[in-house]
Protein backbone atom coordinates (compact mmCIF):
# COMPACT_ATOMS: atom_id res chain seq x y z
CA UNK A 1 -46.65 -10.99 -43.13
CA UNK A 2 -47.62 -9.25 -39.89
CA UNK A 3 -49.47 -5.96 -40.24
CA UNK A 4 -47.19 -2.94 -40.42
CA UNK A 5 -48.15 0.49 -39.07
CA UNK A 6 -47.32 3.90 -40.53
CA UNK A 7 -47.97 7.02 -38.45
CA UNK A 8 -48.22 10.36 -40.26
CA UNK A 9 -47.83 13.51 -38.16
CA UNK A 10 -47.40 17.17 -39.06
CA UNK A 11 -45.54 20.19 -37.72
CA UNK A 12 -45.09 23.97 -38.04
CA UNK A 13 -48.53 24.75 -39.54
CA UNK A 14 -51.72 22.91 -40.42
CA UNK A 15 -53.06 22.37 -43.95
CA UNK A 16 -49.69 21.15 -45.24
CA UNK A 17 -51.34 18.16 -46.89
CA UNK A 18 -51.00 15.25 -44.46
CA UNK A 19 -54.15 13.75 -45.95
CA UNK A 20 -52.73 13.86 -49.48
CA UNK A 21 -49.41 12.39 -48.31
CA UNK A 22 -51.22 9.63 -46.38
CA UNK A 23 -53.38 8.85 -49.42
CA UNK A 24 -50.29 8.87 -51.65
CA UNK A 25 -48.46 6.43 -49.38
CA UNK A 26 -51.51 4.17 -49.50
CA UNK A 27 -51.63 4.36 -53.30
CA UNK A 28 -47.92 3.59 -53.67
CA UNK A 29 -48.12 0.58 -51.36
CA UNK A 30 -51.23 -0.63 -53.18
CA UNK A 31 -49.31 -0.42 -56.44
CA UNK A 32 -46.77 -2.82 -54.92
CA UNK A 33 -49.54 -5.32 -54.21
CA UNK A 34 -50.08 -4.63 -50.51
CA UNK A 35 -53.48 -4.44 -48.85
CA UNK A 36 -53.80 -1.14 -47.02
CA UNK A 37 -56.23 0.99 -45.09
CA UNK A 38 -55.92 4.60 -43.93
CA UNK A 39 -57.43 6.12 -40.81
CA UNK A 40 -57.66 9.67 -39.45
CA UNK A 41 -57.37 10.58 -35.77
CA UNK A 42 -58.66 14.10 -35.06
CA UNK A 43 -57.88 15.76 -31.71
CA UNK A 44 -61.13 17.76 -31.41
CA UNK A 45 -63.69 16.73 -28.80
CA UNK A 46 -66.68 16.55 -31.16
CA UNK A 47 -67.87 12.97 -31.62
CA UNK A 48 -67.67 13.54 -35.39
CA UNK A 49 -67.82 16.46 -37.86
CA UNK A 50 -71.56 15.92 -38.45
CA UNK A 51 -72.62 18.91 -36.37
CA UNK A 52 -69.72 21.15 -37.39
CA UNK A 53 -70.31 24.15 -39.63
CA UNK A 54 -68.54 23.65 -43.01
CA UNK A 55 -66.79 26.98 -42.39
CA UNK A 56 -65.20 25.32 -39.36
CA UNK A 57 -64.19 22.03 -40.89
CA UNK A 58 -64.98 21.84 -44.59
CA UNK A 59 -67.31 19.19 -45.94
CA UNK A 60 -68.56 16.29 -43.87
CA UNK A 61 -67.73 13.05 -45.69
CA UNK A 62 -69.98 10.01 -45.20
CA UNK A 63 -68.80 6.38 -45.27
CA UNK A 64 -70.84 3.50 -46.64
CA UNK A 65 -71.69 2.29 -43.15
CA UNK A 66 -73.10 5.69 -42.23
CA UNK A 67 -70.36 7.50 -40.32
CA UNK A 68 -69.97 11.27 -40.68
CA UNK A 69 -66.24 11.82 -41.02
CA UNK A 70 -63.41 14.18 -41.86
CA UNK A 71 -63.00 15.24 -45.50
CA UNK A 72 -59.58 13.54 -45.65
CA UNK A 73 -61.38 10.20 -45.90
CA UNK A 74 -62.59 11.44 -49.28
CA UNK A 75 -58.95 11.79 -50.36
CA UNK A 76 -58.21 8.30 -49.05
CA UNK A 77 -61.06 6.78 -51.07
CA UNK A 78 -60.47 8.80 -54.23
CA UNK A 79 -56.77 7.88 -54.31
CA UNK A 80 -56.93 4.22 -53.25
CA UNK A 81 -60.47 3.09 -54.09
CA UNK A 82 -60.84 1.49 -50.63
CA UNK A 83 -64.18 1.75 -48.86
CA UNK A 84 -63.63 3.35 -45.47
CA UNK A 85 -65.89 2.75 -42.48
CA UNK A 86 -66.61 4.34 -39.08
CA UNK A 87 -63.36 2.79 -37.87
CA UNK A 88 -61.30 4.92 -40.26
CA UNK A 89 -62.25 8.17 -38.53
CA UNK A 90 -61.67 8.66 -34.79
CA UNK A 91 -61.93 11.80 -32.67
CA UNK A 92 -60.94 12.61 -29.12
CA UNK A 93 -64.66 12.78 -28.39
CA UNK A 94 -65.19 9.19 -29.47
CA UNK A 95 -62.17 8.02 -27.49
CA UNK A 96 -63.33 9.67 -24.28
CA UNK A 97 -66.94 8.59 -24.80
CA UNK A 98 -65.90 4.94 -25.22
CA UNK A 99 -63.77 5.04 -22.05
CA UNK A 100 -66.41 6.87 -19.99
CA UNK A 101 -69.15 4.49 -21.18
CA UNK A 102 -67.06 1.52 -20.04
CA UNK A 103 -66.32 3.21 -16.73
CA UNK A 104 -70.05 3.76 -16.15
CA UNK A 105 -70.71 0.08 -16.80
CA UNK A 106 -68.07 -0.86 -14.24
CA UNK A 107 -65.73 -2.47 -16.77
CA UNK A 108 -62.66 -1.01 -15.00
CA UNK A 109 -63.61 -2.63 -11.66
CA UNK A 110 -63.41 0.56 -9.65
CA UNK A 111 -60.00 1.76 -10.85
CA UNK A 112 -59.22 5.47 -11.21
CA UNK A 113 -59.53 6.39 -14.91
CA UNK A 114 -56.59 8.40 -16.21
CA UNK A 115 -55.31 9.75 -19.52
CA UNK A 116 -52.38 7.33 -19.17
CA UNK A 117 -53.01 4.43 -19.42
CA UNK A 118 -56.77 4.33 -20.10
CA UNK A 119 -57.18 7.01 -22.80
CA UNK A 120 -53.88 6.14 -24.47
CA UNK A 121 -54.76 2.42 -24.37
CA UNK A 122 -58.04 3.13 -26.15
CA UNK A 123 -56.17 5.19 -28.76
CA UNK A 124 -53.64 2.37 -29.23
CA UNK A 125 -56.40 -0.20 -29.58
CA UNK A 126 -57.98 1.78 -32.38
CA UNK A 127 -54.65 2.51 -34.04
CA UNK A 128 -53.98 -1.24 -34.03
CA UNK A 129 -57.60 -1.91 -35.08
CA UNK A 130 -57.84 -4.54 -32.33
CA UNK A 131 -60.92 -5.75 -30.42
CA UNK A 132 -61.05 -5.22 -26.69
CA UNK A 133 -59.19 -7.74 -24.51
CA UNK A 134 -61.45 -9.25 -21.86
CA UNK A 135 -59.15 -10.41 -19.09
CA UNK A 136 -55.85 -8.74 -19.97
CA UNK A 137 -54.71 -5.75 -17.91
CA UNK A 138 -55.78 -2.45 -19.57
CA UNK A 139 -52.19 -1.52 -20.44
CA UNK A 140 -51.68 -4.66 -22.54
CA UNK A 141 -53.38 -3.59 -25.74
CA UNK A 142 -51.08 -5.36 -28.17
CA UNK A 143 -52.34 -8.67 -29.59
CA UNK A 144 -50.71 -10.63 -26.77
CA UNK A 145 -53.88 -12.07 -25.25
CA UNK A 146 -55.24 -15.36 -26.53
CA UNK A 147 -58.16 -15.28 -28.93
CA UNK A 148 -60.33 -16.99 -26.33
CA UNK A 149 -59.85 -14.00 -24.05
CA UNK A 150 -61.26 -11.53 -26.54
CA UNK A 151 -64.79 -10.23 -26.72
CA UNK A 152 -66.71 -8.07 -29.15
CA UNK A 153 -66.59 -4.38 -28.24
CA UNK A 154 -69.88 -2.99 -27.01
CA UNK A 155 -71.82 0.17 -27.70
CA UNK A 156 -70.78 2.01 -30.85
CA UNK A 157 -68.27 -0.71 -31.79
CA UNK A 158 -70.71 -3.64 -31.81
CA UNK A 159 -70.13 -5.99 -34.74
CA UNK A 160 -72.96 -6.15 -37.27
CA UNK A 161 -73.32 -6.50 -41.05
CA UNK A 162 -73.79 -2.73 -41.36
CA UNK A 163 -71.04 -1.80 -38.90
CA UNK A 164 -67.93 -3.86 -39.67
CA UNK A 165 -65.44 -4.64 -36.90
CA UNK A 166 -62.37 -2.52 -36.29
CA UNK A 167 -60.45 -4.17 -39.09
CA UNK A 168 -62.64 -2.49 -41.67
CA UNK A 169 -61.28 -4.41 -44.65
CA UNK A 170 -61.01 -7.84 -43.07
CA UNK A 171 -58.92 -10.65 -44.50
CA UNK A 172 -55.54 -9.39 -43.34
CA UNK A 173 -54.15 -5.91 -43.78
CA UNK A 174 -50.51 -5.47 -44.74
CA UNK A 175 -50.36 -1.79 -43.79
CA UNK A 176 -52.44 0.47 -41.56
CA UNK A 177 -51.70 4.14 -42.19
CA UNK A 178 -52.72 6.48 -39.36
CA UNK A 179 -52.85 10.23 -39.91
CA UNK A 180 -53.02 12.40 -36.78
CA UNK A 181 -54.71 15.76 -37.29
CA UNK A 182 -53.36 19.07 -36.04
CA UNK A 183 -49.70 19.90 -35.46
CA UNK A 184 -47.02 18.81 -33.03
CA UNK A 185 -47.22 20.82 -29.82
CA UNK A 186 -51.02 21.16 -29.80
CA UNK A 187 -52.19 20.30 -26.30
CA UNK A 188 -55.09 18.30 -27.77
CA UNK A 189 -52.68 16.00 -29.62
CA UNK A 190 -50.63 14.97 -26.57
CA UNK A 191 -52.50 11.69 -25.83
CA UNK A 192 -52.17 10.64 -29.48
CA UNK A 193 -48.45 11.35 -29.46
CA UNK A 194 -48.03 9.37 -26.26
CA UNK A 195 -49.91 6.45 -27.83
CA UNK A 196 -47.64 6.57 -30.88
CA UNK A 197 -44.54 6.73 -28.63
CA UNK A 198 -45.64 3.57 -26.81
CA UNK A 199 -46.51 1.73 -30.02
CA UNK A 200 -43.17 2.61 -31.60
CA UNK A 201 -41.41 0.73 -28.79
CA UNK A 202 -43.88 -2.14 -28.65
CA UNK A 203 -44.01 -2.74 -32.40
CA UNK A 204 -40.31 -2.27 -33.17
CA UNK A 205 -39.60 -2.41 -36.90
CA UNK A 206 -43.28 -2.99 -37.63
CA UNK A 207 -43.94 0.73 -37.13
CA UNK A 208 -42.68 3.78 -39.02
CA UNK A 209 -43.21 7.47 -38.23
CA UNK A 210 -43.51 9.86 -41.19
CA UNK A 211 -43.38 13.51 -40.19
CA UNK A 212 -44.57 16.20 -42.59
CA UNK A 213 -43.15 19.65 -42.02
CA UNK A 214 -42.70 22.98 -43.78
CA UNK A 215 -39.64 24.62 -45.32
CA UNK A 216 -40.65 28.25 -45.98
CA UNK A 217 -39.07 30.51 -48.59
CA UNK A 218 -38.25 34.04 -47.44
CA UNK A 219 -38.42 36.26 -50.50
CA UNK A 220 -36.57 39.19 -48.90
CA UNK A 221 -33.60 36.97 -48.07
CA UNK A 222 -34.03 34.77 -51.16
CA UNK A 223 -33.55 31.76 -48.90
CA UNK A 224 -35.27 28.56 -47.90
CA UNK A 225 -35.32 28.17 -44.11
CA UNK A 226 -34.99 24.79 -42.37
CA UNK A 227 -35.23 26.11 -38.81
CA UNK A 228 -39.02 25.56 -38.53
CA UNK A 229 -38.46 21.91 -39.51
CA UNK A 230 -35.68 21.53 -36.96
CA UNK A 231 -37.89 22.93 -34.19
CA UNK A 232 -40.82 20.75 -35.25
CA UNK A 233 -38.67 17.60 -35.10
CA UNK A 234 -37.19 18.73 -31.77
CA UNK A 235 -40.74 19.06 -30.39
CA UNK A 236 -41.54 15.56 -31.64
CA UNK A 237 -38.36 14.17 -30.12
CA UNK A 238 -39.30 15.85 -26.84
CA UNK A 239 -42.39 13.64 -26.85
CA UNK A 240 -40.21 10.58 -27.21
CA UNK A 241 -40.77 10.05 -30.94
CA UNK A 242 -37.91 10.02 -33.43
CA UNK A 243 -39.27 10.39 -36.97
CA UNK A 244 -38.03 7.79 -39.44
CA UNK A 245 -38.91 9.78 -42.55
CA UNK A 246 -39.32 13.50 -43.12
CA UNK A 247 -41.51 14.87 -45.89
CA UNK A 248 -40.57 18.52 -46.46
CA UNK A 249 -43.40 20.61 -47.85
CA UNK A 250 -41.87 23.32 -50.02
CA UNK A 251 -42.76 25.78 -52.72
CA UNK A 252 -39.23 25.63 -54.16
CA UNK A 253 -36.91 22.79 -55.03
CA UNK A 254 -34.53 21.69 -52.27
CA UNK A 255 -31.05 20.72 -53.35
CA UNK A 256 -29.13 17.81 -51.82
CA UNK A 257 -27.13 20.16 -49.57
CA UNK A 258 -30.36 21.41 -47.98
CA UNK A 259 -31.67 17.87 -47.52
CA UNK A 260 -28.33 16.81 -46.01
CA UNK A 261 -28.53 19.71 -43.57
CA UNK A 262 -32.02 18.63 -42.46
CA UNK A 263 -30.93 15.00 -42.18
CA UNK A 264 -27.98 15.95 -39.98
CA UNK A 265 -29.91 18.21 -37.63
CA UNK A 266 -32.89 15.85 -37.34
CA UNK A 267 -31.08 12.46 -37.07
CA UNK A 268 -32.74 11.11 -40.20
CA UNK A 269 -31.08 9.20 -43.06
CA UNK A 270 -30.58 11.33 -46.17
CA UNK A 271 -32.60 8.91 -48.32
CA UNK A 272 -35.45 9.38 -45.83
CA UNK A 273 -35.62 13.16 -46.32
CA UNK A 274 -38.22 13.56 -49.05
CA UNK A 275 -39.39 16.84 -50.54
CA UNK A 276 -42.97 17.50 -51.53
CA UNK A 277 -43.00 20.45 -53.90
CA UNK A 278 -46.14 22.24 -55.05
CA UNK A 279 -47.63 20.28 -57.94
CA UNK A 280 -50.11 21.36 -60.63
CA UNK A 281 -52.59 18.85 -59.19
CA UNK A 282 -52.90 16.80 -56.01
CA UNK A 283 -53.07 13.71 -58.22
CA UNK A 284 -49.46 14.31 -59.27
CA UNK A 285 -48.31 13.82 -55.66
CA UNK A 286 -48.18 9.98 -55.58
CA UNK A 287 -45.98 9.88 -58.69
CA UNK A 288 -43.76 12.62 -57.29
CA UNK A 289 -43.48 10.75 -53.96
CA UNK A 290 -42.56 7.58 -55.85
CA UNK A 291 -39.90 9.53 -57.75
CA UNK A 292 -38.58 10.82 -54.40
CA UNK A 293 -38.45 7.24 -53.10
CA UNK A 294 -40.95 7.62 -50.25
CA UNK A 295 -42.45 4.13 -50.57
CA UNK A 296 -39.00 2.56 -50.95
CA UNK A 297 -37.77 4.36 -47.81
CA UNK A 298 -40.76 3.05 -45.84
CA UNK A 299 -40.14 -0.52 -46.96
CA UNK A 300 -36.43 -0.32 -46.11
CA UNK A 301 -37.20 1.02 -42.65
CA UNK A 302 -39.59 -1.85 -42.01
CA UNK A 303 -37.18 -4.41 -43.42
CA UNK A 304 -39.13 -5.45 -46.51
CA UNK A 305 -37.28 -5.94 -49.83
CA UNK A 306 -37.99 -2.97 -52.05
CA UNK A 307 -38.14 -4.78 -55.38
CA UNK A 308 -39.02 -3.15 -58.70
CA UNK A 309 -40.71 0.22 -58.91
CA UNK A 310 -44.35 -0.25 -60.00
CA UNK A 311 -45.30 1.29 -63.33
CA UNK A 312 -48.66 2.59 -62.05
CA UNK A 313 -49.87 2.69 -65.65
CA UNK A 314 -53.59 3.43 -65.02
CA UNK A 315 -52.66 6.31 -62.73
CA UNK A 316 -50.11 7.70 -65.17
CA UNK A 317 -52.62 7.36 -68.02
CA UNK A 318 -55.04 9.45 -65.97
CA UNK A 319 -52.35 12.10 -65.37
CA UNK A 320 -51.61 12.18 -69.08
CA UNK A 321 -55.29 12.83 -69.81
CA UNK A 322 -55.24 15.57 -67.18
CA UNK A 323 -52.24 17.27 -68.76
CA UNK A 324 -53.79 17.06 -72.22
CA UNK A 325 -57.15 18.54 -71.15
CA UNK A 326 -56.81 22.08 -72.46
CA UNK A 327 -60.38 23.14 -73.20
CA UNK A 328 -62.22 24.71 -70.26
CA UNK A 329 -65.77 23.81 -69.27
CA UNK A 330 -67.44 26.37 -67.01
CA UNK A 331 -69.73 24.91 -64.35
CA UNK A 332 -71.51 26.87 -61.63
CA UNK A 333 -71.93 25.65 -58.05
CA UNK A 334 -75.01 27.25 -56.50
CA UNK A 335 -74.58 27.02 -52.72
CA UNK A 336 -74.24 29.08 -49.55
CA UNK A 337 -70.79 28.11 -48.26
CA UNK A 338 -68.18 30.29 -49.95
CA UNK A 339 -65.35 27.96 -49.01
CA UNK A 340 -63.58 25.55 -51.34
CA UNK A 341 -63.48 22.67 -48.85
CA UNK A 342 -67.22 22.94 -48.13
CA UNK A 343 -68.00 21.17 -51.42
CA UNK A 344 -64.69 19.33 -51.78
CA UNK A 345 -66.02 16.00 -53.07
CA UNK A 346 -68.35 17.69 -55.56
CA UNK A 347 -65.51 19.80 -56.92
CA UNK A 348 -63.22 16.77 -57.23
CA UNK A 349 -65.97 14.68 -58.86
CA UNK A 350 -66.49 17.41 -61.46
CA UNK A 351 -62.74 17.70 -62.02
CA UNK A 352 -62.38 13.94 -62.51
CA UNK A 353 -65.37 13.73 -64.86
CA UNK A 354 -63.97 16.66 -66.82
CA UNK A 355 -60.58 14.99 -67.23
CA UNK A 356 -62.16 11.77 -68.49
CA UNK A 357 -64.15 13.88 -70.97
CA UNK A 358 -60.90 15.59 -72.06
CA UNK A 359 -61.75 19.00 -70.60
CA UNK A 360 -60.70 21.06 -67.62
CA UNK A 361 -63.66 21.78 -65.36
CA UNK A 362 -63.56 25.46 -64.40
CA UNK A 363 -65.78 25.70 -61.34
CA UNK A 364 -67.46 28.96 -60.34
CA UNK A 365 -69.05 29.41 -56.94
CA UNK A 366 -72.40 31.24 -57.04
CA UNK A 367 -73.62 32.34 -53.61
CA UNK A 368 -77.29 31.40 -53.44
CA UNK A 369 -77.94 34.15 -50.83
CA UNK A 370 -77.12 36.73 -53.50
CA UNK A 371 -79.25 35.20 -56.27
CA UNK A 372 -82.43 37.05 -57.26
CA UNK A 373 -84.79 36.84 -60.22
CA UNK A 374 -83.30 40.11 -61.45
CA UNK A 375 -79.66 38.95 -61.46
CA UNK A 376 -79.94 35.21 -62.11
CA UNK A 377 -79.27 35.55 -65.85
CA UNK A 378 -76.11 37.51 -65.14
CA UNK A 379 -75.01 35.09 -62.39
CA UNK A 380 -75.34 32.04 -64.68
CA UNK A 381 -74.01 33.71 -67.81
CA UNK A 382 -71.38 31.57 -69.52
CA UNK A 383 -72.10 28.45 -67.44
CA UNK A 384 -72.37 25.23 -69.44
CA UNK A 385 -74.07 23.52 -66.50
CA UNK A 386 -75.17 24.10 -62.92
CA UNK A 387 -74.87 22.03 -59.75
CA UNK A 388 -77.34 22.94 -57.01
CA UNK A 389 -75.46 22.05 -53.86
CA UNK A 390 -76.50 20.19 -50.72
CA UNK A 391 -76.82 21.78 -47.30
CA UNK A 392 -79.12 22.33 -44.36
CA UNK A 393 -81.32 25.14 -43.10
CA UNK A 394 -83.25 28.09 -44.48
CA UNK A 395 -80.38 30.34 -45.49
CA UNK A 396 -79.90 30.61 -49.25
CA UNK A 397 -82.69 28.24 -50.33
CA UNK A 398 -84.72 30.83 -52.27
CA UNK A 399 -81.68 31.52 -54.43
CA UNK A 400 -81.37 27.82 -55.18
CA UNK A 401 -85.07 27.68 -56.14
CA UNK A 402 -84.64 30.68 -58.47
CA UNK A 403 -81.60 29.00 -60.06
CA UNK A 404 -83.55 25.76 -60.53
CA UNK A 405 -86.38 27.65 -62.27
CA UNK A 406 -84.01 29.51 -64.56
CA UNK A 407 -82.06 26.42 -65.62
CA UNK A 408 -85.29 24.43 -66.13
CA UNK A 409 -86.93 27.10 -68.29
CA UNK A 410 -83.71 27.79 -70.23
CA UNK A 411 -82.79 24.10 -70.58
CA UNK A 412 -79.38 24.42 -68.93
CA UNK A 413 -77.98 21.06 -67.70
CA UNK A 414 -78.68 20.92 -63.98
CA UNK A 415 -77.61 18.50 -61.27
CA UNK A 416 -79.28 18.83 -57.86
CA UNK A 417 -77.72 16.96 -54.95
CA UNK A 418 -79.61 16.19 -51.70
CA UNK A 419 -81.04 19.59 -50.65
CA UNK A 420 -80.38 20.69 -54.23
CA UNK A 421 -82.73 17.97 -55.48
CA UNK A 422 -85.33 19.06 -52.93
CA UNK A 423 -85.14 22.66 -54.14
CA UNK A 424 -85.75 21.43 -57.71
CA UNK A 425 -88.84 19.59 -56.46
CA UNK A 426 -90.14 22.67 -54.61
CA UNK A 427 -89.55 24.92 -57.64
CA UNK A 428 -91.49 22.52 -59.86
CA UNK A 429 -94.38 22.45 -57.40
CA UNK A 430 -94.55 26.25 -57.25
CA UNK A 431 -94.16 27.05 -60.93
CA UNK A 432 -95.54 24.01 -62.75
CA UNK A 433 -98.03 22.36 -60.37
CA UNK A 434 -99.27 25.78 -59.24
CA UNK A 435 -98.67 25.39 -55.52
CA UNK A 436 -97.19 28.82 -54.81
CA UNK A 437 -96.86 28.02 -51.11
CA UNK A 438 -95.09 24.66 -51.64
CA UNK A 439 -92.11 24.16 -49.39
CA UNK A 440 -90.14 21.71 -47.32
CA UNK A 441 -91.35 20.88 -43.81
CA UNK A 442 -87.76 21.64 -42.76
CA UNK A 443 -88.11 25.28 -43.82
CA UNK A 444 -91.82 25.79 -43.05
CA UNK A 445 -93.45 23.13 -40.86
CA UNK A 446 -96.88 24.74 -41.46
CA UNK A 447 -96.81 24.75 -45.27
CA UNK A 448 -100.05 23.31 -46.70
CA UNK A 449 -98.08 21.71 -49.55
CA UNK A 450 -95.15 19.92 -47.93
CA UNK A 451 -93.78 18.38 -51.12
CA UNK A 452 -90.63 17.67 -49.08
CA UNK A 453 -91.48 16.12 -45.72
CA UNK A 454 -89.59 14.69 -42.77
CA UNK A 455 -88.98 10.96 -42.92
CA UNK A 456 -91.28 8.95 -40.63
CA UNK A 457 -88.42 7.44 -38.62
CA UNK A 458 -86.96 10.93 -38.04
CA UNK A 459 -90.05 12.52 -36.49
CA UNK A 460 -89.28 11.72 -32.86
CA UNK A 461 -85.52 12.32 -33.00
CA UNK A 462 -84.26 15.31 -31.04
CA UNK A 463 -80.48 14.74 -31.06
CA UNK A 464 -78.66 16.22 -34.05
CA UNK A 465 -75.45 14.20 -34.35
CA UNK A 466 -75.40 10.94 -36.27
CA UNK A 467 -79.19 10.55 -36.36
CA UNK A 468 -80.00 11.21 -40.03
CA UNK A 469 -80.46 8.64 -42.76
CA UNK A 470 -76.77 7.94 -43.23
CA UNK A 471 -74.73 5.57 -45.36
CA UNK A 472 -75.34 3.43 -48.43
CA UNK A 473 -78.85 2.41 -49.46
CA UNK A 474 -80.15 0.67 -52.56
CA UNK A 475 -81.84 2.48 -55.40
CA UNK A 476 -83.71 0.82 -58.25
CA UNK A 477 -83.44 2.70 -61.54
CA UNK A 478 -86.28 2.94 -64.02
CA UNK A 479 -85.24 1.45 -67.34
CA UNK A 480 -85.01 3.98 -70.15
CA UNK A 481 -84.44 6.96 -67.85
CA UNK A 482 -81.44 9.21 -68.29
CA UNK A 483 -80.15 8.14 -64.87
CA UNK A 484 -80.43 4.50 -65.93
CA UNK A 485 -78.49 5.19 -69.12
CA UNK A 486 -75.80 7.03 -67.14
CA UNK A 487 -75.13 3.99 -64.96
CA UNK A 488 -75.65 1.31 -67.57
CA UNK A 489 -72.74 1.89 -70.02
CA UNK A 490 -70.09 1.77 -67.32
CA UNK A 491 -71.28 -0.38 -64.42
CA UNK A 492 -68.74 -0.33 -61.62
CA UNK A 493 -67.97 -3.92 -60.52
CA UNK A 494 -67.15 -2.63 -57.04
CA UNK A 495 -70.75 -1.46 -56.59
CA UNK A 496 -73.44 -3.74 -55.23
CA UNK A 497 -76.33 -4.53 -57.52
CA UNK A 498 -75.92 -4.20 -61.26
CA UNK A 499 -77.35 -2.19 -64.12
CA UNK A 500 -80.73 -1.66 -62.46
CA UNK A 501 -79.92 -1.75 -58.75
CA UNK A 502 -77.34 0.71 -57.47
CA UNK A 503 -76.17 1.65 -54.00
CA UNK A 504 -75.37 5.22 -52.98
CA UNK A 505 -74.61 7.14 -49.78
CA UNK A 506 -77.09 9.40 -48.03
CA UNK A 507 -77.14 12.18 -45.45
CA UNK A 508 -80.62 13.63 -44.96
CA UNK A 509 -83.73 13.80 -42.77
CA UNK A 510 -86.30 14.98 -45.29
CA UNK A 511 -87.66 13.23 -48.38
CA UNK A 512 -89.88 13.61 -51.41
CA UNK A 513 -93.51 13.40 -50.28
CA UNK A 514 -95.01 10.45 -52.18
CA UNK A 515 -98.50 11.94 -51.76
CA UNK A 516 -97.62 14.24 -54.69
CA UNK A 517 -95.86 11.64 -56.83
CA UNK A 518 -98.64 11.14 -59.39
CA UNK A 519 -99.01 14.88 -59.92
CA UNK A 520 -95.29 15.31 -60.54
CA UNK A 521 -95.16 12.43 -63.00
CA UNK A 522 -98.20 13.67 -64.90
CA UNK A 523 -96.66 17.14 -65.19
CA UNK A 524 -93.34 15.86 -66.53
CA UNK A 525 -91.01 15.37 -63.53
CA UNK A 526 -90.41 11.64 -63.33
CA UNK A 527 -89.41 9.66 -60.25
CA UNK A 528 -86.86 7.33 -61.84
CA UNK A 529 -84.92 6.08 -58.81
CA UNK A 530 -86.71 4.39 -55.89
CA UNK A 531 -85.41 2.74 -52.74
CA UNK A 532 -87.13 -0.68 -52.90
CA UNK A 533 -87.28 -1.13 -49.13
CA UNK A 534 -88.79 2.23 -48.13
CA UNK A 535 -90.37 3.38 -51.44
CA UNK A 536 -88.30 6.53 -51.04
CA UNK A 537 -87.83 8.65 -54.18
CA UNK A 538 -84.08 8.80 -54.78
CA UNK A 539 -83.85 10.38 -58.25
CA UNK A 540 -86.10 12.78 -60.17
CA UNK A 541 -85.58 13.96 -63.72
CA UNK A 542 -87.35 15.84 -66.49
CA UNK A 543 -86.82 13.69 -69.62
CA UNK A 544 -87.72 16.46 -72.06
CA UNK A 545 -84.79 18.55 -70.85
CA UNK A 546 -81.21 17.98 -71.96
CA UNK A 547 -80.10 16.99 -68.44
CA UNK A 548 -82.21 17.97 -65.44
CA UNK A 549 -81.65 15.45 -62.64
CA UNK A 550 -81.91 15.63 -58.88
CA UNK A 551 -80.49 12.94 -56.57
CA UNK A 552 -81.44 12.59 -52.91
CA UNK A 553 -78.15 10.78 -52.30
CA UNK A 554 -74.55 12.07 -52.55
CA UNK A 555 -72.90 10.60 -55.65
CA UNK A 556 -69.77 12.68 -55.03
CA UNK A 557 -68.76 10.36 -52.18
CA UNK A 558 -68.36 7.45 -54.60
CA UNK A 559 -66.27 9.09 -57.32
CA UNK A 560 -62.61 8.01 -57.47
CA UNK A 561 -59.62 8.79 -59.66
CA UNK A 562 -59.81 5.54 -61.59
CA UNK A 563 -63.63 5.21 -61.41
CA UNK A 564 -65.34 8.60 -61.85
CA UNK A 565 -69.02 8.55 -60.93
CA UNK A 566 -71.35 7.81 -63.88
CA UNK A 567 -73.79 10.62 -63.06
CA UNK A 568 -71.01 13.21 -63.05
CA UNK A 569 -69.63 11.71 -66.27
CA UNK A 570 -73.03 11.94 -67.96
CA UNK A 571 -73.61 15.49 -66.66
CA UNK A 572 -70.25 16.78 -67.90
CA UNK A 573 -70.67 15.04 -71.27
CA UNK A 574 -74.04 16.75 -71.75
CA UNK A 575 -72.57 20.13 -70.75
CA UNK A 576 -69.91 19.63 -73.43
CA UNK A 577 -72.47 18.96 -76.13
CA UNK A 578 -74.26 22.25 -75.53
């Protein structure tokens, strides 16, 4: 069948859960046997979130092909298991940069560049995941030009083995789900809304608009209020877009009379007014949406036979394990960003690993800026295990080093990720190798013992955005190591390599200094994961400890609901056996 397009927009307030609804729609359509992908369009002018402070935007998620993206792509991957690429995350900055770059090359043949049609055409092209037409007029961005008239996009969109074309998952997509960030009425979102308006007319029944809005409960009046939803839909209609389906975010159950009222005021079929109540877990949302008939409503709107409701047995089995996990496992996150979304993928990876080990991971944030040698015992009291979090910059690193020393000397299971791994290496150099002035060249460029040093290819780079070692790289595991054993029992067939060769995602500029490798190994910290191409140390561990492992990569990006990451599984299992 021809590719169908689903546009997910939001109104009233942000943070309603458009990403979770988009991921849930993808999961439900997958369960029906359709091939889907999900993409996020963000209205901010940054090229990507790579240079944004986590307090501004939450964690920066990294795709396999090395794109720094919005955290919602983590939800997409965890729910659906798809591997997103740079083409699944688009910002206003990237749109404008692509258009301006083409204008500078003379591609527009001297025409005046305007928001409509040039910016909106570029948005439409990316929403459709189409290559650039060569000879067609700029406004004709639908696939109505012959294949011979198409060329490969240039610049950032050049085709290569590491940077797949706009289709992402090639081989024919049944559904492309597009989530637009922000809320209706934001001035930044206007070009995206205009692009959706045009595509709705051009695509006909091949496009569906799902609008997520809020129905607040006023405690003083003991009433649910639909007026915010009505105004949100009115705003959307004012932009020329009539929503096909409404998802009403609510803290209380909506009866049929309330749904009928919304349907009548908003010109939406009653069966297409779906309520999304607060659930005990975000992973309950797909099943709740299936119960509400969201996927069936989408198929009916597009004109596809609905058929039988999928059983979704693996997903429901996971939910059953989640409900039955009663025992709590207390794990500390030592980091500097006191914000839940700053370490979103790590938190979810721990939660998933806990569920598969039949426990509920109770995660405690420990601010590394407040950690001292005098209070570290109190800070870590009651923790079955510690994760030393990733990050950048000087702030809070001494607290991470103190935590690494305490957990090493007290044999508390410890998992260091990226900068966390580097802090474990520095601590070992200071307190075991005897280099009291050991440090990272990032924190002290003049340190005489730069056990963490800048990567050779990074030395002449001055631009910050998108210039680190990003994306998936191979890592060869040393047989017999704890890391090897973690991966070996449950090899993931979706991963490249096998039991010895794995592939994980990176986001860093600094690396373990191989000049000190022999000293570390002789003193008991083993380098058990090596990138075969660059001889880069990817994993260190201390075998004599119960579980003391640092990874230069980010395993949290690869953990999904149905395939929790083996390192997190091994870490949680060890914490349980304390």
